[in-house]
C-alpha atoms as a PDB file:
ATOM      1  CA  MET A   1      16.868  -4.712  17.595  1.00  0.00           C
ATOM      2  CA  THR A   2      15.015  -1.317  17.877  1.00  0.00           C
ATOM      3  CA  VAL A   3      11.318  -0.990  18.121  1.00  0.00           C
ATOM      4  CA  ARG A   4      11.266   0.429  14.629  1.00  0.00           C
ATOM      5  CA  GLU A   5      13.062  -2.453  13.208  1.00  0.00           C
ATOM      6  CA  GLN A   6      10.693  -4.834  14.881  1.00  0.00           C
ATOM      7  CA  THR A   7       7.863  -3.175  13.387  1.00  0.00           C
ATOM      8  CA  GLU A   8       9.426  -3.154  10.025  1.00  0.00           C
ATOM      9  CA  ILE A   9       9.920  -6.893  10.273  1.00  0.00           C
ATOM     10  CA  ASN A  10       6.216  -7.370  11.306  1.00  0.00           C
ATOM     11  CA  GLU A  11       5.132  -5.384   8.285  1.00  0.00           C
ATOM     12  CA  ILE A  12       6.893  -7.577   5.853  1.00  0.00           C
ATOM     13  CA  ALA A  13       5.510 -10.801   7.586  1.00  0.00           C
ATOM     14  CA  ILE A  14       1.841  -9.340   7.880  1.00  0.00           C
ATOM     15  CA  LEU A  15       1.055  -6.963   5.049  1.00  0.00           C
ATOM     16  CA  SER A  16      -0.175  -7.889   1.643  1.00  0.00           C
ATOM     17  CA  ARG A  17       2.379  -8.030  -1.200  1.00  0.00           C
ATOM     18  CA  TYR A  18       0.547  -4.930  -2.643  1.00  0.00           C
ATOM     19  CA  ALA A  19       1.357  -2.940   0.556  1.00  0.00           C
ATOM     20  CA  CYS A  20       4.006  -0.197   0.712  1.00  0.00           C
ATOM     21  CA  THR A  21       6.237  -1.265   3.531  1.00  0.00           C
ATOM     22  CA  SER A  22       8.412   1.150   5.615  1.00  0.00           C
ATOM     23  CA  VAL A  23      11.628  -0.207   4.364  1.00  0.00           C
ATOM     24  CA  ASP A  24      10.683   0.462   0.669  1.00  0.00           C
ATOM     25  CA  GLU A  25      13.572   2.729  -0.149  1.00  0.00           C
ATOM     26  CA  GLU A  26      12.035   4.336  -3.213  1.00  0.00           C
ATOM     27  CA  ASN A  27       8.740   5.512  -1.298  1.00  0.00           C
ATOM     28  CA  THR A  28      10.408   6.285   2.034  1.00  0.00           C
ATOM     29  CA  ARG A  29      13.120   8.578   0.467  1.00  0.00           C
ATOM     30  CA  ARG A  30      13.242  12.288   1.766  1.00  0.00           C
ATOM     31  CA  VAL A  31      14.553  15.286   0.172  1.00  0.00           C
ATOM     32  CA  ARG A  32      16.886  15.786   3.139  1.00  0.00           C
ATOM     33  CA  TYR A  33      18.577  12.940   4.654  1.00  0.00           C
ATOM     34  CA  GLU A  34      17.639  12.121   8.404  1.00  0.00           C
ATOM     35  CA  GLU A  35      18.857   9.520  10.781  1.00  0.00           C
ATOM     36  CA  LYS A  36      16.166   6.864  11.356  1.00  0.00           C
ATOM     37  CA  CYS A  37      14.104   6.903  14.624  1.00  0.00           C
ATOM     38  CA  PRO A  38      14.589   3.969  16.990  1.00  0.00           C
ATOM     39  CA  TYR A  39      10.954   3.885  17.710  1.00  0.00           C
ATOM     40  CA  ARG A  40       9.001   5.069  14.888  1.00  0.00           C
ATOM     41  CA  THR A  41       8.830   3.822  11.199  1.00  0.00           C
ATOM     42  CA  GLU A  42       9.299   6.507   8.379  1.00  0.00           C
ATOM     43  CA  PHE A  43       5.370   6.738   7.677  1.00  0.00           C
ATOM     44  CA  GLN A  44       4.745   7.017  11.617  1.00  0.00           C
ATOM     45  CA  ARG A  45       7.165  10.007  11.660  1.00  0.00           C
ATOM     46  CA  ASP A  46       5.369  11.645   8.831  1.00  0.00           C
ATOM     47  CA  ARG A  47       1.870  11.123  10.444  1.00  0.00           C
ATOM     48  CA  ASP A  48       3.102  12.683  13.547  1.00  0.00           C
ATOM     49  CA  ARG A  49       4.834  15.774  11.849  1.00  0.00           C
ATOM     50  CA  ILE A  50       1.512  16.401  10.024  1.00  0.00           C
ATOM     51  CA  LEU A  51      -0.653  16.150  13.229  1.00  0.00           C
ATOM     52  CA  HIS A  52       1.515  18.591  14.914  1.00  0.00           C
ATOM     53  CA  CYS A  53       1.954  21.229  12.384  1.00  0.00           C
ATOM     54  CA  ASN A  54       0.296  24.807  12.205  1.00  0.00           C
ATOM     55  CA  SER A  55      -1.591  23.994   9.043  1.00  0.00           C
ATOM     56  CA  PHE A  56      -3.370  20.904  10.399  1.00  0.00           C
ATOM     57  CA  ARG A  57      -4.680  23.031  13.384  1.00  0.00           C
ATOM     58  CA  ARG A  58      -5.981  25.758  11.094  1.00  0.00           C
ATOM     59  CA  LEU A  59      -8.302  23.032   9.581  1.00  0.00           C
ATOM     60  CA  LYS A  60     -10.600  23.465  12.493  1.00  0.00           C
ATOM     61  CA  ARG A  61     -11.687  27.011  11.204  1.00  0.00           C
ATOM     62  CA  LYS A  62     -11.951  26.184   7.457  1.00  0.00           C
ATOM     63  CA  THR A  63     -15.027  25.585   5.770  1.00  0.00           C
ATOM     64  CA  GLN A  64     -16.058  22.277   4.544  1.00  0.00           C
ATOM     65  CA  VAL A  65     -19.564  22.976   2.691  1.00  0.00           C
ATOM     66  CA  PHE A  66     -21.330  25.598   4.752  1.00  0.00           C
ATOM     67  CA  LEU A  67     -19.502  28.694   5.409  1.00  0.00           C
ATOM     68  CA  SER A  68     -18.921  29.177   9.190  1.00  0.00           C
ATOM     69  CA  PRO A  69     -22.090  27.485  10.375  1.00  0.00           C
ATOM     70  CA  VAL A  70     -23.563  28.279  13.543  1.00  0.00           C
ATOM     71  CA  GLY A  71     -23.935  24.823  15.504  1.00  0.00           C
ATOM     72  CA  ASP A  72     -21.361  22.566  16.923  1.00  0.00           C
ATOM     73  CA  HIS A  73     -22.220  19.578  14.683  1.00  0.00           C
ATOM     74  CA  TYR A  74     -21.486  20.870  11.233  1.00  0.00           C
ATOM     75  CA  ARG A  75     -18.280  19.578   9.636  1.00  0.00           C
ATOM     76  CA  THR A  76     -15.151  21.643   9.257  1.00  0.00           C
ATOM     77  CA  ARG A  77     -12.099  20.888   7.183  1.00  0.00           C
ATOM     78  CA  LEU A  78     -10.600  19.195  10.217  1.00  0.00           C
ATOM     79  CA  THR A  79     -13.542  16.970  11.280  1.00  0.00           C
ATOM     80  CA  HIS A  80     -13.695  15.853   7.471  1.00  0.00           C
ATOM     81  CA  THR A  81     -10.114  15.051   7.488  1.00  0.00           C
ATOM     82  CA  LEU A  82     -10.570  12.911  10.617  1.00  0.00           C
ATOM     83  CA  GLU A  83     -13.238  11.106   9.015  1.00  0.00           C
ATOM     84  CA  VAL A  84     -11.245  10.471   6.005  1.00  0.00           C
ATOM     85  CA  ALA A  85      -8.549   8.964   8.068  1.00  0.00           C
ATOM     86  CA  GLN A  86     -10.835   6.624   9.944  1.00  0.00           C
ATOM     87  CA  ILE A  87     -12.213   5.305   6.869  1.00  0.00           C
ATOM     88  CA  ALA A  88      -9.031   4.940   5.093  1.00  0.00           C
ATOM     89  CA  ARG A  89      -7.645   3.144   8.049  1.00  0.00           C
ATOM     90  CA  THR A  90     -10.436   0.648   8.038  1.00  0.00           C
ATOM     91  CA  ILE A  91      -9.984   0.006   4.229  1.00  0.00           C
ATOM     92  CA  ALA A  92      -6.253  -0.253   4.706  1.00  0.00           C
ATOM     93  CA  ARG A  93      -6.719  -2.803   7.586  1.00  0.00           C
ATOM     94  CA  GLY A  94      -9.075  -4.749   5.662  1.00  0.00           C
ATOM     95  CA  LEU A  95      -6.882  -5.119   2.686  1.00  0.00           C
ATOM     96  CA  ARG A  96      -3.671  -5.617   4.808  1.00  0.00           C
ATOM     97  CA  LEU A  97      -2.075  -2.352   3.550  1.00  0.00           C
ATOM     98  CA  ASN A  98       0.117  -0.020   5.462  1.00  0.00           C
ATOM     99  CA  GLU A  99      -2.225   1.776   7.863  1.00  0.00           C
ATOM    100  CA  ASP A 100       0.522   4.263   8.947  1.00  0.00           C
ATOM    101  CA  LEU A 101       1.203   5.369   5.500  1.00  0.00           C
ATOM    102  CA  THR A 102      -2.690   5.603   4.670  1.00  0.00           C
ATOM    103  CA  GLU A 103      -3.301   7.664   7.918  1.00  0.00           C
ATOM    104  CA  ALA A 104      -0.371  10.086   6.837  1.00  0.00           C
ATOM    105  CA  ILE A 105      -1.681  10.711   3.658  1.00  0.00           C
ATOM    106  CA  ALA A 106      -5.317  11.155   4.914  1.00  0.00           C
ATOM    107  CA  LEU A 107      -4.282  13.611   7.653  1.00  0.00           C
ATOM    108  CA  GLY A 108      -2.231  15.674   5.238  1.00  0.00           C
ATOM    109  CA  HIS A 109      -4.691  15.583   2.244  1.00  0.00           C
ATOM    110  CA  ASP A 110      -6.278  19.110   2.799  1.00  0.00           C
ATOM    111  CA  LEU A 111      -3.373  20.743   4.603  1.00  0.00           C
ATOM    112  CA  GLY A 112      -3.293  23.434   1.684  1.00  0.00           C
ATOM    113  CA  HIS A 113      -7.077  23.931   1.345  1.00  0.00           C
ATOM    114  CA  SER A 114      -8.075  27.615   1.047  1.00  0.00           C
ATOM    115  CA  PRO A 115     -10.359  29.452   3.383  1.00  0.00           C
ATOM    116  CA  PHE A 116     -14.017  29.282   2.469  1.00  0.00           C
ATOM    117  CA  GLY A 117     -13.847  25.888   0.817  1.00  0.00           C
ATOM    118  CA  HIS A 118     -14.030  25.419  -2.858  1.00  0.00           C
ATOM    119  CA  CYS A 119     -15.211  28.808  -3.352  1.00  0.00           C
ATOM    120  CA  GLY A 120     -11.860  30.110  -2.037  1.00  0.00           C
ATOM    121  CA  GLU A 121     -10.081  27.662  -4.167  1.00  0.00           C
ATOM    122  CA  ALA A 122     -11.795  28.817  -7.373  1.00  0.00           C
ATOM    123  CA  VAL A 123     -11.062  32.429  -6.793  1.00  0.00           C
ATOM    124  CA  LEU A 124      -7.402  31.880  -6.212  1.00  0.00           C
ATOM    125  CA  ASN A 125      -7.302  29.592  -9.183  1.00  0.00           C
ATOM    126  CA  ASP A 126      -8.879  32.524 -11.158  1.00  0.00           C
ATOM    127  CA  ILE A 127      -6.719  35.408  -9.922  1.00  0.00           C
ATOM    128  CA  CYS A 128      -3.243  33.845  -9.423  1.00  0.00           C
ATOM    129  CA  PRO A 129      -1.139  33.564 -12.427  1.00  0.00           C
ATOM    130  CA  HIS A 130       0.345  30.218 -11.053  1.00  0.00           C
ATOM    131  CA  GLY A 131      -3.187  28.811 -10.681  1.00  0.00           C
ATOM    132  CA  PHE A 132      -4.308  27.146  -7.456  1.00  0.00           C
ATOM    133  CA  LYS A 133      -5.534  23.544  -6.674  1.00  0.00           C
ATOM    134  CA  HIS A 134      -5.822  22.700  -3.067  1.00  0.00           C
ATOM    135  CA  TYR A 135      -4.079  19.107  -3.459  1.00  0.00           C
ATOM    136  CA  LEU A 136      -1.050  20.733  -5.061  1.00  0.00           C
ATOM    137  CA  GLN A 137      -1.008  23.358  -2.351  1.00  0.00           C
ATOM    138  CA  SER A 138      -1.130  20.750   0.266  1.00  0.00           C
ATOM    139  CA  VAL A 139       2.126  19.407  -1.129  1.00  0.00           C
ATOM    140  CA  ARG A 140       3.641  22.963  -1.238  1.00  0.00           C
ATOM    141  CA  VAL A 141       2.665  23.300   2.393  1.00  0.00           C
ATOM    142  CA  VAL A 142       4.487  20.142   3.433  1.00  0.00           C
ATOM    143  CA  GLU A 143       7.512  20.858   1.359  1.00  0.00           C
ATOM    144  CA  THR A 144       8.042  24.597   1.479  1.00  0.00           C
ATOM    145  CA  LEU A 145       5.700  26.472   3.828  1.00  0.00           C
ATOM    146  CA  GLU A 146       5.468  24.660   7.098  1.00  0.00           C
ATOM    147  CA  LYS A 147       8.075  25.422   9.722  1.00  0.00           C
ATOM    148  CA  LYS A 148       8.754  28.872   8.422  1.00  0.00           C
ATOM    149  CA  GLY A 149      10.017  27.859   5.003  1.00  0.00           C
ATOM    150  CA  LYS A 150      11.760  24.424   6.002  1.00  0.00           C
ATOM    151  CA  GLY A 151       8.878  22.061   5.253  1.00  0.00           C
ATOM    152  CA  LEU A 152       8.188  18.912   6.902  1.00  0.00           C
ATOM    153  CA  ASN A 153      10.621  16.822   4.871  1.00  0.00           C
ATOM    154  CA  LEU A 154       8.164  14.106   4.164  1.00  0.00           C
ATOM    155  CA  THR A 155       8.494  10.872   2.425  1.00  0.00           C
ATOM    156  CA  PHE A 156       7.979  10.585  -1.235  1.00  0.00           C
ATOM    157  CA  ALA A 157       4.819   8.079  -0.784  1.00  0.00           C
ATOM    158  CA  VAL A 158       3.064  10.585   1.578  1.00  0.00           C
ATOM    159  CA  LYS A 159       3.555  13.639  -0.853  1.00  0.00           C
ATOM    160  CA  ASN A 160       2.474  11.556  -3.720  1.00  0.00           C
ATOM    161  CA  GLY A 161      -0.647  10.405  -1.934  1.00  0.00           C
ATOM    162  CA  ILE A 162      -1.432  13.882  -1.034  1.00  0.00           C
ATOM    163  CA  ALA A 163      -0.959  15.136  -4.554  1.00  0.00           C
ATOM    164  CA  CYS A 164      -3.081  12.452  -6.092  1.00  0.00           C
ATOM    165  CA  HIS A 165      -6.067  12.252  -3.591  1.00  0.00           C
ATOM    166  CA  THR A 166      -8.548  14.207  -5.714  1.00  0.00           C
ATOM    167  CA  ASN A 167      -8.392  12.707  -9.192  1.00  0.00           C
ATOM    168  CA  MET A 168      -5.179  10.986 -10.109  1.00  0.00           C
ATOM    169  CA  ILE A 169      -3.792   7.548  -9.533  1.00  0.00           C
ATOM    170  CA  ALA A 170      -1.189   7.395  -6.705  1.00  0.00           C
ATOM    171  CA  SER A 171       2.042   5.488  -6.768  1.00  0.00           C
ATOM    172  CA  THR A 172       0.881   3.345  -3.758  1.00  0.00           C
ATOM    173  CA  LYS A 173      -2.250   1.299  -3.143  1.00  0.00           C
ATOM    174  CA  GLU A 174      -2.576   3.320   0.180  1.00  0.00           C
ATOM    175  CA  GLY A 175      -2.637   6.697  -1.704  1.00  0.00           C
ATOM    176  CA  ASN A 176      -5.401   5.250  -3.771  1.00  0.00           C
ATOM    177  CA  VAL A 177      -7.380   4.194  -0.769  1.00  0.00           C
ATOM    178  CA  VAL A 178      -7.242   7.850   0.683  1.00  0.00           C
ATOM    179  CA  ARG A 179      -8.684   9.021  -2.721  1.00  0.00           C
ATOM    180  CA  LEU A 180     -11.774   6.771  -2.284  1.00  0.00           C
ATOM    181  CA  ALA A 181     -11.941   7.433   1.601  1.00  0.00           C
ATOM    182  CA  ASP A 182     -12.159  11.168   0.726  1.00  0.00           C
ATOM    183  CA  THR A 183     -15.213  10.863  -1.476  1.00  0.00           C
ATOM    184  CA  ILE A 184     -16.921   8.308   0.687  1.00  0.00           C
ATOM    185  CA  ALA A 185     -16.490  10.686   3.690  1.00  0.00           C
ATOM    186  CA  TYR A 186     -17.422  13.948   2.221  1.00  0.00           C
ATOM    187  CA  ILE A 187     -20.480  12.841   0.162  1.00  0.00           C
ATOM    188  CA  ASN A 188     -22.119  11.065   3.317  1.00  0.00           C
ATOM    189  CA  HIS A 189     -21.316  13.588   5.889  1.00  0.00           C
ATOM    190  CA  ASP A 190     -22.321  16.515   3.470  1.00  0.00           C
ATOM    191  CA  ILE A 191     -25.774  14.559   3.129  1.00  0.00           C
ATOM    192  CA  GLU A 192     -25.998  14.570   7.016  1.00  0.00           C
ATOM    193  CA  ASP A 193     -25.077  18.286   7.173  1.00  0.00           C
ATOM    194  CA  SER A 194     -27.426  19.264   4.457  1.00  0.00           C
ATOM    195  CA  ILE A 195     -30.306  17.501   6.258  1.00  0.00           C
ATOM    196  CA  ARG A 196     -29.432  19.243   9.493  1.00  0.00           C
ATOM    197  CA  ALA A 197     -29.432  22.654   7.581  1.00  0.00           C
ATOM    198  CA  GLY A 198     -32.832  21.821   6.175  1.00  0.00           C
ATOM    199  CA  ILE A 199     -31.491  21.698   2.585  1.00  0.00           C
ATOM    200  CA  LEU A 200     -32.356  18.047   2.120  1.00  0.00           C
ATOM    201  CA  THR A 201     -34.540  15.435   3.665  1.00  0.00           C
ATOM    202  CA  PRO A 202     -33.743  11.766   3.761  1.00  0.00           C
ATOM    203  CA  PHE A 203     -36.608  11.268   1.356  1.00  0.00           C
ATOM    204  CA  ASP A 204     -34.919  13.376  -1.302  1.00  0.00           C
ATOM    205  CA  LEU A 205     -32.005  11.025  -1.811  1.00  0.00           C
ATOM    206  CA  PRO A 206     -32.199   9.194  -5.143  1.00  0.00           C
ATOM    207  CA  PRO A 207     -34.171   5.776  -4.385  1.00  0.00           C
ATOM    208  CA  LYS A 208     -31.975   3.768  -6.661  1.00  0.00           C
ATOM    209  CA  CYS A 209     -28.900   4.889  -4.707  1.00  0.00           C
ATOM    210  CA  VAL A 210     -30.685   4.368  -1.266  1.00  0.00           C
ATOM    211  CA  ARG A 211     -31.660   0.725  -2.432  1.00  0.00           C
ATOM    212  CA  VAL A 212     -28.096  -0.005  -3.320  1.00  0.00           C
ATOM    213  CA  LEU A 213     -26.026   1.825  -0.651  1.00  0.00           C
ATOM    214  CA  GLY A 214     -28.352   2.040   2.243  1.00  0.00           C
ATOM    215  CA  ASN A 215     -30.810   4.500   3.807  1.00  0.00           C
ATOM    216  CA  THR A 216     -28.570   5.867   6.557  1.00  0.00           C
ATOM    217  CA  LYS A 217     -25.035   7.248   6.756  1.00  0.00           C
ATOM    218  CA  THR A 218     -23.736   4.436   8.537  1.00  0.00           C
ATOM    219  CA  LYS A 219     -25.262   1.829   6.059  1.00  0.00           C
ATOM    220  CA  ARG A 220     -23.893   3.795   3.114  1.00  0.00           C
ATOM    221  CA  ILE A 221     -20.421   4.188   4.510  1.00  0.00           C
ATOM    222  CA  THR A 222     -20.248   0.508   5.569  1.00  0.00           C
ATOM    223  CA  THR A 223     -21.497  -0.599   2.052  1.00  0.00           C
ATOM    224  CA  LEU A 224     -18.796   1.489   0.298  1.00  0.00           C
ATOM    225  CA  ILE A 225     -16.085   0.395   2.523  1.00  0.00           C
ATOM    226  CA  ALA A 226     -17.083  -3.220   2.262  1.00  0.00           C
ATOM    227  CA  SER A 227     -17.160  -2.893  -1.654  1.00  0.00           C
ATOM    228  CA  VAL A 228     -13.611  -1.497  -1.730  1.00  0.00           C
ATOM    229  CA  ILE A 229     -12.301  -4.411   0.647  1.00  0.00           C
ATOM    230  CA  GLN A 230     -14.194  -7.083  -1.175  1.00  0.00           C
ATOM    231  CA  ASN A 231     -12.782  -5.922  -4.597  1.00  0.00           C
ATOM    232  CA  GLY A 232      -9.328  -6.554  -3.312  1.00  0.00           C
ATOM    233  CA  ALA A 233      -5.959  -4.778  -3.229  1.00  0.00           C
ATOM    234  CA  TYR A 234      -4.885  -5.200  -6.734  1.00  0.00           C
ATOM    235  CA  GLU A 235      -7.375  -2.564  -8.033  1.00  0.00           C
ATOM    236  CA  ILE A 236      -8.519  -0.054  -5.352  1.00  0.00           C
ATOM    237  CA  ASP A 237     -12.171   0.662  -6.359  1.00  0.00           C
ATOM    238  CA  PHE A 238     -15.792  -0.327  -5.927  1.00  0.00           C
ATOM    239  CA  ALA A 239     -17.624  -3.034  -7.432  1.00  0.00           C
ATOM    240  CA  SER A 240     -19.306  -1.710 -10.517  1.00  0.00           C
ATOM    241  CA  ASP A 241     -22.817  -1.567  -9.212  1.00  0.00           C
ATOM    242  CA  ILE A 242     -21.626   0.318  -6.069  1.00  0.00           C
ATOM    243  CA  ARG A 243     -19.645   2.563  -8.261  1.00  0.00           C
ATOM    244  CA  LYS A 244     -22.685   3.540 -10.284  1.00  0.00           C
ATOM    245  CA  ALA A 245     -24.811   4.282  -7.147  1.00  0.00           C
ATOM    246  CA  HIS A 246     -21.888   6.258  -5.643  1.00  0.00           C
ATOM    247  CA  ASP A 247     -21.395   8.305  -8.639  1.00  0.00           C
ATOM    248  CA  ASP A 248     -25.142   8.980  -9.215  1.00  0.00           C
ATOM    249  CA  LEU A 249     -25.273  10.088  -5.462  1.00  0.00           C
ATOM    250  CA  LYS A 250     -22.440  12.456  -6.034  1.00  0.00           C
ATOM    251  CA  ASP A 251     -23.980  13.861  -9.153  1.00  0.00           C
ATOM    252  CA  PHE A 252     -27.152  14.478  -7.036  1.00  0.00           C
ATOM    253  CA  MET A 253     -25.188  16.263  -4.259  1.00  0.00           C
ATOM    254  CA  PHE A 254     -23.631  18.518  -6.859  1.00  0.00           C
ATOM    255  CA  GLU A 255     -26.901  19.276  -8.372  1.00  0.00           C
ATOM    256  CA  ARG A 256     -28.904  19.742  -5.090  1.00  0.00           C
ATOM    257  CA  VAL A 257     -26.358  20.997  -2.402  1.00  0.00           C
ATOM    258  CA  TYR A 258     -22.811  21.927  -3.770  1.00  0.00           C
ATOM    259  CA  THR A 259     -24.299  24.507  -6.094  1.00  0.00           C
ATOM    260  CA  ASN A 260     -27.533  25.182  -4.095  1.00  0.00           C
ATOM    261  CA  PRO A 261     -27.977  28.956  -3.575  1.00  0.00           C
ATOM    262  CA  ALA A 262     -29.285  28.173  -0.115  1.00  0.00           C
ATOM    263  CA  ALA A 263     -25.853  26.513   0.879  1.00  0.00           C
ATOM    264  CA  LYS A 264     -23.765  29.026  -1.240  1.00  0.00           C
ATOM    265  CA  GLN A 265     -25.636  32.249  -0.370  1.00  0.00           C
ATOM    266  CA  GLU A 266     -22.579  33.865   1.483  1.00  0.00           C
ATOM    267  CA  GLU A 267     -19.896  32.756  -1.374  1.00  0.00           C
ATOM    268  CA  ALA A 268     -20.280  36.128  -3.193  1.00  0.00           C
ATOM    269  CA  LYS A 269     -19.166  37.896  -0.164  1.00  0.00           C
ATOM    270  CA  ALA A 270     -16.374  35.413   0.391  1.00  0.00           C
ATOM    271  CA  GLU A 271     -15.116  35.873  -3.114  1.00  0.00           C
ATOM    272  CA  LEU A 272     -15.092  39.614  -2.859  1.00  0.00           C
ATOM    273  CA  LEU A 273     -13.196  39.338   0.435  1.00  0.00           C
ATOM    274  CA  VAL A 274     -10.467  37.032  -1.143  1.00  0.00           C
ATOM    275  CA  ARG A 275     -10.040  39.325  -4.178  1.00  0.00           C
ATOM    276  CA  LYS A 276      -9.801  42.417  -1.996  1.00  0.00           C
ATOM    277  CA  LEU A 277      -7.145  40.764   0.279  1.00  0.00           C
ATOM    278  CA  TYR A 278      -5.284  39.498  -2.859  1.00  0.00           C
ATOM    279  CA  ALA A 279      -5.237  42.907  -4.469  1.00  0.00           C
ATOM    280  CA  TYR A 280      -4.221  44.617  -1.262  1.00  0.00           C
ATOM    281  CA  PHE A 281      -1.169  42.546  -0.461  1.00  0.00           C
ATOM    282  CA  ILE A 282      -0.094  42.667  -4.318  1.00  0.00           C
ATOM    283  CA  GLU A 283       0.248  46.495  -3.785  1.00  0.00           C
ATOM    284  CA  ASN A 284       1.585  46.233  -0.341  1.00  0.00           C
ATOM    285  CA  THR A 285       4.033  43.179  -0.105  1.00  0.00           C
ATOM    286  CA  ASP A 286       5.767  44.924   2.603  1.00  0.00           C
ATOM    287  CA  LYS A 287       2.778  44.282   4.799  1.00  0.00           C
ATOM    288  CA  LEU A 288       3.142  40.380   4.378  1.00  0.00           C
ATOM    289  CA  PRO A 289       4.666  38.471   7.466  1.00  0.00           C
ATOM    290  CA  PRO A 290       8.269  37.912   6.994  1.00  0.00           C
ATOM    291  CA  GLU A 291       8.265  34.431   5.569  1.00  0.00           C
ATOM    292  CA  TYR A 292       5.931  35.400   2.873  1.00  0.00           C
ATOM    293  CA  ARG A 293       7.928  38.667   1.991  1.00  0.00           C
ATOM    294  CA  GLN A 294      10.959  36.215   1.631  1.00  0.00           C
ATOM    295  CA  ILE A 295       8.792  34.272  -0.950  1.00  0.00           C
ATOM    296  CA  ALA A 296       7.937  37.361  -2.742  1.00  0.00           C
ATOM    297  CA  HIS A 297      11.690  38.148  -3.004  1.00  0.00           C
ATOM    298  CA  ASP A 298      12.769  34.657  -4.160  1.00  0.00           C
ATOM    299  CA  THR A 299       9.852  34.311  -6.521  1.00  0.00           C
ATOM    300  CA  ASP A 300       7.188  36.874  -7.028  1.00  0.00           C
ATOM    301  CA  ALA A 301       4.459  38.662  -5.340  1.00  0.00           C
ATOM    302  CA  ASP A 302       1.684  36.487  -6.628  1.00  0.00           C
ATOM    303  CA  ARG A 303       3.169  33.240  -5.394  1.00  0.00           C
ATOM    304  CA  ALA A 304       3.742  34.829  -1.922  1.00  0.00           C
ATOM    305  CA  VAL A 305       0.192  36.470  -1.682  1.00  0.00           C
ATOM    306  CA  CYS A 306      -1.513  33.085  -2.939  1.00  0.00           C
ATOM    307  CA  ASP A 307       0.481  31.276  -0.278  1.00  0.00           C
ATOM    308  CA  TYR A 308      -0.524  33.669   2.499  1.00  0.00           C
ATOM    309  CA  ILE A 309      -4.248  33.782   1.800  1.00  0.00           C
ATOM    310  CA  SER A 310      -4.584  29.964   1.114  1.00  0.00           C
ATOM    311  CA  GLY A 311      -3.215  29.359   4.588  1.00  0.00           C
ATOM    312  CA  MET A 312      -5.800  31.570   6.337  1.00  0.00           C
ATOM    313  CA  SER A 313      -8.551  30.254   8.208  1.00  0.00           C
ATOM    314  CA  ASP A 314     -11.976  31.555   7.475  1.00  0.00           C
ATOM    315  CA  GLY A 315     -12.101  33.426  10.687  1.00  0.00           C
ATOM    316  CA  TYR A 316      -8.693  34.911  10.204  1.00  0.00           C
ATOM    317  CA  ALA A 317      -9.440  36.125   6.819  1.00  0.00           C
ATOM    318  CA  VAL A 318     -12.622  37.810   7.854  1.00  0.00           C
ATOM    319  CA  ASP A 319     -10.811  39.590  10.855  1.00  0.00           C
ATOM    320  CA  LEU A 320      -7.871  40.715   8.452  1.00  0.00           C
ATOM    321  CA  TYR A 321     -10.382  42.085   5.973  1.00  0.00           C
ATOM    322  CA  THR A 322     -12.461  43.940   8.697  1.00  0.00           C
ATOM    323  CA  ASP A 323      -9.256  45.302  10.221  1.00  0.00           C
ATOM    324  CA  LEU A 324      -7.865  46.539   6.649  1.00  0.00           C
ATOM    325  CA  PHE A 325     -11.211  47.722   4.933  1.00  0.00           C
ATOM    326  CA  VAL A 326     -13.890  48.307   7.499  1.00  0.00           C
ATOM    327  CA  PRO A 327     -13.824  51.787   9.351  1.00  0.00           C
ATOM    328  CA  LYS A 328     -13.189  51.620  13.211  1.00  0.00           C
ATOM    329  CA  PHE A 329     -15.222  53.812  15.563  1.00  0.00           C
ATOM    330  CA  TRP A 330     -13.247  56.450  17.583  1.00  0.00           C
ATOM    331  CA  LYS A 331     -13.251  55.424  21.290  1.00  0.00           C
END
């Protein structure tokens, strides 16, 4: 018996009846057939492929809320992803769901996020005829763009969880755990970053939310995680009173932070940058890297340019813009 086979037996014996096991043929199917690994389950392989891919590494230089903040402790898209994975695994463990599947979805959920956070996403959605949603682009990354067009050949369950992590019901309980873990993570770490940036103080938070959820990041996250676990694996959600406090806190953050001019003061520049790069490469597809020129040939220029720009880190996009549009001094 291989190590993988023993792990699969352990999953069947230990996990909840609501869990997606690694022997579930429907959820572990891949577009291209592969021989099974003797050591890792299908979802463990997916997790490892995501962790080692180029798109994952680029997350370290992509905006979470504050555009290229000065300071080591502000979140980036990468640290957000790691916090989502930690929260999601804690919930999955408490509900006896498949932790490996949960972690794979969590690590891959933002691979397709554009530079400059949701500002970049909104601009690309506006100018690209195909539209742009980061959760669908994350699936495109793992299916098509990674490994120079070969993709990562992930399982159905992982791709479905990535596609559904924002506002849809996933086909597995693990995918729905990641959807909640994402919002638990970003609301609470964005509060902490906003306090660090001087946009909020702890006393600005809605008193009713604080009374229900807690007056610190740790207490709030613990309350939210506990509520999901106590609610059970049949329906992945918060208890009704916790849901109300969570949603009110989310509304507060949209009003006070996510649309706050102080937090968004550089977004007009970022929008202009994305639009200029997009227009330039639409007119100059021959300047695209080879793999994106191939996409332009196989589909169209808009698809190729959108794929190229959405994969850029903030810093790479700024450097490229500078190289293309800012005059260089003669030396």
